[in-house]
Structure formats: structure tokens, C-alpha cells
């Protein structure tokens, strides 16, 4: 292979590699951001489930209690 033909091919490969590296970096940043959002949503969901369970238990006990005006 002629060395003159090699230079443009090598430049093309280097350019593609640079684009791929940039793409992977942006993709990784996006995945990390989504994981942080998912972790936050899981935490919020757990807190909401606990709160709803507490409210549900309180509602179950209410019919068995006398109103405060008795």
C-alpha cells in the first residue's frame, strides 16, 4: 500500500474515533444522570409507600374510635 494513500485513511479513522469518543462520553453522562434520577425516584416512591401505609393504618383504626365530642 502506498504511504500517500495511508494518510487520508488514517485521518478518516482518527476523525471517526474522535466522534465515537465524544458520543460515548455524552452517552455515559446521560446514563449517569438517568441513574441519579432513577435513584431519587425510587427513594421518593419508597417514602410515599410508607406514608400511604401509615395513612391506611390510621384510617382502619378510625371506625373503632369514638369521635372526640363524646
C-alpha atoms as a PDB file:
ATOM      1  CA  UNK A   1       0.000   0.000   0.000  1.00  0.00           C
ATOM      2  CA  UNK A   2       1.255   3.441  -0.929  1.00  0.00           C
ATOM      3  CA  UNK A   3       2.063   5.673   2.116  1.00  0.00           C
ATOM      4  CA  UNK A   4       0.285   8.555   0.404  1.00  0.00           C
ATOM      5  CA  UNK A   5      -2.943   6.526   0.417  1.00  0.00           C
ATOM      6  CA  UNK A   6      -2.448   5.647   4.065  1.00  0.00           C
ATOM      7  CA  UNK A   7      -2.510   9.229   5.405  1.00  0.00           C
ATOM      8  CA  UNK A   8      -6.116  10.059   4.310  1.00  0.00           C
ATOM      9  CA  UNK A   9      -7.356   6.691   5.582  1.00  0.00           C
ATOM     10  CA  UNK A  10      -5.638   7.219   8.907  1.00  0.00           C
ATOM     11  CA  UNK A  11      -7.083  10.720   9.194  1.00  0.00           C
ATOM     12  CA  UNK A  12     -10.554   9.372   8.453  1.00  0.00           C
ATOM     13  CA  UNK A  13     -10.160   6.690  11.136  1.00  0.00           C
ATOM     14  CA  UNK A  14      -8.909   9.237  13.673  1.00  0.00           C
ATOM     15  CA  UNK A  15     -11.868  11.506  12.908  1.00  0.00           C
ATOM     16  CA  UNK A  16     -14.344   8.666  13.377  1.00  0.00           C
ATOM     17  CA  UNK A  17     -12.621   7.677  16.616  1.00  0.00           C
ATOM     18  CA  UNK A  18     -12.897  11.230  17.924  1.00  0.00           C
ATOM     19  CA  UNK A  19     -16.633  11.290  17.137  1.00  0.00           C
ATOM     20  CA  UNK A  20     -17.103   7.907  18.820  1.00  0.00           C
ATOM     21  CA  UNK A  21     -15.217   9.037  21.926  1.00  0.00           C
ATOM     22  CA  UNK A  22     -17.380  12.158  22.125  1.00  0.00           C
ATOM     23  CA  UNK A  23     -20.538  10.100  21.647  1.00  0.00           C
ATOM     24  CA  UNK A  24     -19.526   7.648  24.375  1.00  0.00           C
ATOM     25  CA  UNK A  25     -18.751  10.472  26.779  1.00  0.00           C
ATOM     26  CA  UNK A  26     -22.148  12.094  26.174  1.00  0.00           C
ATOM     27  CA  UNK A  27     -23.873   8.718  26.440  1.00  0.00           C
ATOM     28  CA  UNK A  28     -22.141   7.972  29.727  1.00  0.00           C
ATOM     29  CA  UNK A  29     -23.131  11.384  31.109  1.00  0.00           C
ATOM     30  CA  UNK A  30     -26.734  10.718  30.115  1.00  0.00           C
ATOM     31  CA  UNK A  31     -26.744   7.267  31.724  1.00  0.00           C
ATOM     32  CA  UNK A  32     -25.244   8.637  34.946  1.00  0.00           C
ATOM     33  CA  UNK A  33     -27.868  11.389  35.003  1.00  0.00           C
ATOM     34  CA  UNK A  34     -30.688   8.932  34.417  1.00  0.00           C
ATOM     35  CA  UNK A  35     -29.384   6.654  37.157  1.00  0.00           C
ATOM     36  CA  UNK A  36     -29.342   9.580  39.588  1.00  0.00           C
ATOM     37  CA  UNK A  37     -32.922  10.421  38.612  1.00  0.00           C
ATOM     38  CA  UNK A  38     -33.959   6.792  38.997  1.00  0.00           C
ATOM     39  CA  UNK A  39     -32.351   6.582  42.441  1.00  0.00           C
ATOM     40  CA  UNK A  40     -34.179   9.749  43.515  1.00  0.00           C
ATOM     41  CA  UNK A  41     -37.499   8.430  42.195  1.00  0.00           C
ATOM     42  CA  UNK A  42     -37.023   5.106  43.975  1.00  0.00           C
ATOM     43  CA  UNK A  43     -36.345   6.946  47.233  1.00  0.00           C
ATOM     44  CA  UNK A  44     -39.410   9.154  46.773  1.00  0.00           C
ATOM     45  CA  UNK A  45     -41.560   6.141  45.855  1.00  0.00           C
ATOM     46  CA  UNK A  46     -40.443   4.271  48.973  1.00  0.00           C
ATOM     47  CA  UNK A  47     -41.238   7.283  51.161  1.00  0.00           C
ATOM     48  CA  UNK A  48     -44.673   7.663  49.539  1.00  0.00           C
ATOM     49  CA  UNK A  49     -45.461   3.961  50.029  1.00  0.00           C
ATOM     50  CA  UNK A  50     -44.514   4.200  53.697  1.00  0.00           C
ATOM     51  CA  UNK A  51     -46.643   7.320  54.139  1.00  0.00           C
ATOM     52  CA  UNK A  52     -49.640   5.709  52.389  1.00  0.00           C
ATOM     53  CA  UNK A  53     -49.294   2.620  54.549  1.00  0.00           C
ATOM     54  CA  UNK A  54     -49.316   4.781  57.677  1.00  0.00           C
ATOM     55  CA  UNK A  55     -52.371   6.695  56.466  1.00  0.00           C
ATOM     56  CA  UNK A  56     -54.106   3.434  55.565  1.00  0.00           C
ATOM     57  CA  UNK A  57     -53.461   2.014  59.031  1.00  0.00           C
ATOM     58  CA  UNK A  58     -54.784   5.185  60.634  1.00  0.00           C
ATOM     59  CA  UNK A  59     -57.949   5.028  58.523  1.00  0.00           C
ATOM     60  CA  UNK A  60     -58.533   1.407  59.511  1.00  0.00           C
ATOM     61  CA  UNK A  61     -58.385   2.355  63.172  1.00  0.00           C
ATOM     62  CA  UNK A  62     -60.727   5.357  62.862  1.00  0.00           C
ATOM     63  CA  UNK A  63     -64.062   3.490  62.691  1.00  0.00           C
ATOM     64  CA  UNK A  64     -63.248   1.823  66.014  1.00  0.00           C
ATOM     65  CA  UNK A  65     -62.598   5.110  67.780  1.00  0.00           C
ATOM     66  CA  UNK A  66     -65.133   7.351  69.405  1.00  0.00           C
ATOM     67  CA  UNK A  67     -65.402  10.828  67.999  1.00  0.00           C
ATOM     68  CA  UNK A  68     -63.792  13.472  70.245  1.00  0.00           C
ATOM     69  CA  UNK A  69     -67.129  15.103  71.135  1.00  0.00           C
ATOM     70  CA  UNK A  70     -68.389  12.043  73.087  1.00  0.00           C
END
